[in-house]
Protein backbone atom coordinates (compact mmCIF):
# COMPACT_ATOMS: atom_id res chain seq x y z
CA MET A 1 137.35 94.01 115.87
CA TYR A 2 134.42 96.24 115.15
CA GLY A 3 132.59 98.91 117.68
CA SER A 4 134.45 99.08 121.57
CA SER A 5 133.09 95.73 122.74
CA THR A 6 135.95 92.80 123.05
CA HIS A 7 133.20 90.78 123.48
CA PRO A 8 130.95 89.41 120.23
CA ARG A 9 127.42 89.91 120.82
CA LYS A 10 125.21 86.90 121.21
CA LEU A 11 122.17 86.70 118.22
CA VAL A 12 119.26 85.53 120.02
CA HIS A 13 116.94 83.69 117.73
CA SER A 14 113.04 83.85 118.50
CA SER A 15 110.00 83.02 117.27
CA ALA A 16 105.91 82.76 117.65
CA SER A 17 103.24 81.91 115.68
CA CYS A 18 99.18 82.95 116.08
CA PRO A 19 96.05 82.62 114.40
CA THR A 20 96.28 84.14 111.23
CA GLU A 21 93.91 87.25 111.06
CA GLU A 22 94.24 90.48 108.54
CA VAL A 23 91.60 93.10 108.80
CA SER A 24 91.95 96.06 105.75
CA LEU A 25 90.59 99.16 105.23
CA TYR A 26 90.46 100.39 101.68
CA MET A 27 90.18 104.70 101.27
CA ALA A 28 90.41 106.95 98.17
CA GLY A 29 92.85 109.95 99.39
CA ASP A 30 96.34 111.35 99.46
CA VAL A 31 98.44 107.86 101.05
CA GLU A 32 101.09 110.49 101.98
CA HIS A 33 98.60 112.76 104.32
CA ALA A 34 96.97 108.94 105.37
CA LYS A 35 100.33 108.58 107.02
CA GLN A 36 100.83 110.99 108.73
CA VAL A 37 97.44 110.06 110.52
CA ILE A 38 98.22 106.60 110.21
CA ARG A 39 101.73 107.30 112.34
CA ARG A 40 100.08 109.11 115.13
CA PHE A 41 97.23 106.83 115.54
CA CYS A 42 99.73 104.06 115.95
CA VAL A 43 101.49 106.04 118.88
CA ASP A 44 97.85 106.77 120.09
CA PHE A 45 96.74 103.39 119.96
CA PRO A 46 99.48 100.89 119.82
CA THR A 47 99.75 98.81 117.01
CA CYS A 48 101.48 98.19 113.51
CA VAL A 49 100.33 98.13 109.82
CA THR A 50 101.14 98.17 106.47
CA VAL A 51 100.22 100.98 103.59
CA SER A 52 100.27 100.91 100.02
CA PRO A 53 99.15 103.22 97.91
CA THR A 54 96.39 101.86 95.06
CA THR A 55 94.57 103.20 92.40
CA TYR A 56 90.54 102.73 92.30
CA ILE A 57 88.87 102.30 88.75
CA TYR A 58 85.02 102.45 88.76
CA THR A 59 82.82 103.23 85.92
CA GLY A 60 83.27 106.90 85.33
CA GLY A 61 86.60 107.29 86.36
CA GLU A 62 89.64 106.60 88.95
CA GLU A 63 91.03 108.46 91.64
CA VAL A 64 94.01 107.32 94.08
CA GLY A 65 93.92 105.57 97.45
CA PHE A 66 95.70 103.51 100.22
CA VAL A 67 95.24 99.91 101.39
CA VAL A 68 95.74 99.75 105.01
CA ALA A 69 96.42 95.89 106.49
CA PHE A 70 95.96 95.50 110.16
CA ARG A 71 97.58 91.47 110.94
CA ASN A 72 97.82 89.93 113.39
CA TYR A 73 101.25 89.82 114.80
CA PRO A 74 102.73 86.86 116.47
CA ARG A 75 105.33 88.79 118.58
CA PHE A 76 102.12 90.84 120.34
CA PRO A 77 99.17 88.81 118.94
CA THR A 78 95.70 89.72 119.44
CA THR A 79 92.52 89.01 118.61
CA LEU A 80 90.12 89.28 115.01
CA ALA A 81 87.49 91.79 117.37
CA ALA A 82 90.64 94.10 118.12
CA LEU A 83 92.08 93.99 114.62
CA GLU A 84 88.30 94.84 113.67
CA SER A 85 87.55 97.75 116.02
CA LYS A 86 90.54 99.60 115.47
CA ALA A 87 90.64 99.52 111.65
CA SER A 88 87.17 101.12 112.18
CA SER A 89 88.61 103.67 114.57
CA LEU A 90 91.11 104.59 112.15
CA ALA A 91 88.70 104.50 109.25
CA ASN A 92 86.07 107.18 111.31
CA LEU A 93 89.67 109.30 111.56
CA LEU A 94 91.08 108.99 107.71
CA ARG A 95 87.52 110.01 106.58
CA GLU A 96 87.43 112.96 108.60
CA SER A 97 91.42 113.84 107.74
CA LEU A 98 91.15 113.20 104.57
CA ALA A 99 87.63 115.00 104.07
CA GLN A 100 86.35 111.77 102.66
CA ASP A 101 83.26 110.46 102.16
CA SER A 102 83.24 106.68 101.93
CA CYS A 103 85.50 103.21 102.82
CA MET A 104 84.99 100.11 102.95
CA ILE A 105 86.52 98.01 105.84
CA VAL A 106 87.27 93.70 104.41
CA CYS A 107 87.39 91.14 107.69
CA PRO A 108 87.61 87.22 107.00
CA ALA A 109 83.73 86.52 106.88
CA VAL A 110 82.36 90.26 105.85
CA THR A 111 83.38 93.02 103.83
CA SER A 112 81.39 96.43 104.78
CA TRP A 113 81.44 99.97 103.27
CA SER A 114 80.14 102.73 105.05
CA SER A 115 79.43 106.05 103.91
CA THR A 116 78.46 109.75 105.24
CA ARG A 117 76.49 110.30 101.51
CA ASN A 118 72.87 109.38 100.99
CA PRO A 119 71.87 105.97 99.93
CA PRO A 120 71.13 105.35 96.34
CA GLU A 121 67.95 105.80 95.23
CA GLY A 122 66.21 102.99 93.76
């Protein structure tokens, strides 16, 4: 017998579902530094995200970055608006902490890009 208990632990099976909602944040920068910032954000504003490293390839170059995905989690369901708000707040924090100029937030109906750089002329 494992452990000191003489009674086997009873497993409880639970399940839940909720509407599928996903918001993704895309940004260049060091993913390890980003994860440190994201950990603090998740403590200060209870949430759960996934973080994936990525590479951006564009005309004239490439750079490393990451994608942060916010998903509606059936155990703690929320709204799309709340996910969008958290993504925007985290984007601002990451942009400042990682000294980045821009980011992109992809929602089901709209994709937004924001930058601290001057817009291109044309």
